Structures are given as structure tokens and as C-alpha cells.
Amino acid sequence: EVQLVESGGGLVQAGGSLRLSCATSGLVFDDYAIGWFRQAPGKEREGVSCFSGSSGRSYYADSGKGRFTIQTDNVKNTVYLLMNSLEPEDTAVYYCAAEKRTDRCAGMGANEYHTWGQGTRVTVSS
């Protein structure tokens, strides 16, 4: 059984940084796409970034380009989302998701992922 556990959220001032963790179990990175999504109050869940395990490539939505970076630790089976230059608009619950898939993950919607973590809350104050 694939399981995902997020951590690392919290309260940070605008301009600050956070590193979110997605600890995985039951999967092999090479066979999976790992996505990061977020959902702000009253808004739909949106994709932030994804990692294609088969290629080792990461992709970013426009909202995070230049500010967010995916890192992976194959020993710890953990995917990280490093977020810099945070803005109040980044306030949301952040989720990681996994789907067995070996082609590129760019453009995958939330409904294409079938395993989700519980989420971690990020609050950016102005």
C-alpha cells in the first residue's frame, strides 16, 4: 500500500522560506509521478509542481517557477518542496500525491492522482 505523509508547514513571513516534506512508503520512485498541490480557502485545488520518477525531471506551475524547487532523497524515500520568496498568496494547505506512471507528469490534474497525503498547512503573513 502506498502511503504519503506531509510535514513542514507552518507560519512564515512574506519573503521567507519553507521546506515541505512528503515521506513515501510502498512505492518505487522510478515508477511513480509525485505531485504537489495546494488548496486555499474557497478555491479549487491547484497543481504546484510534480516529479517524474522515471526521468528524474521536475515541472513547475507558473505560480512557483523560480521560487519552488523539488528535491528528492532516494534513501529516505522522501520528496521535498522547497519554497522561497513566499507570498501571502501562497497560503494554503499543501498536499502531495502519487500515481504509478512513467511518462511525464507535467499537466497531470488532481483527478489523475489516486493516492494523497493528509496535507500540511502553510500560512504566509504580510
Foldseek 3Di string as FASTA:
>chain_A
DKAWAKDWADEAAAQAKIKMKIQIPDDQLLQKKKWKWWDDPPGDIDTAKIAQSVVRDIDGDPVQPPFWDWDADNVRNMIMIIGGRDDQVPWTWMKMFMDGHRDDCPPDDPVRTDYIYPTDTHGYHD
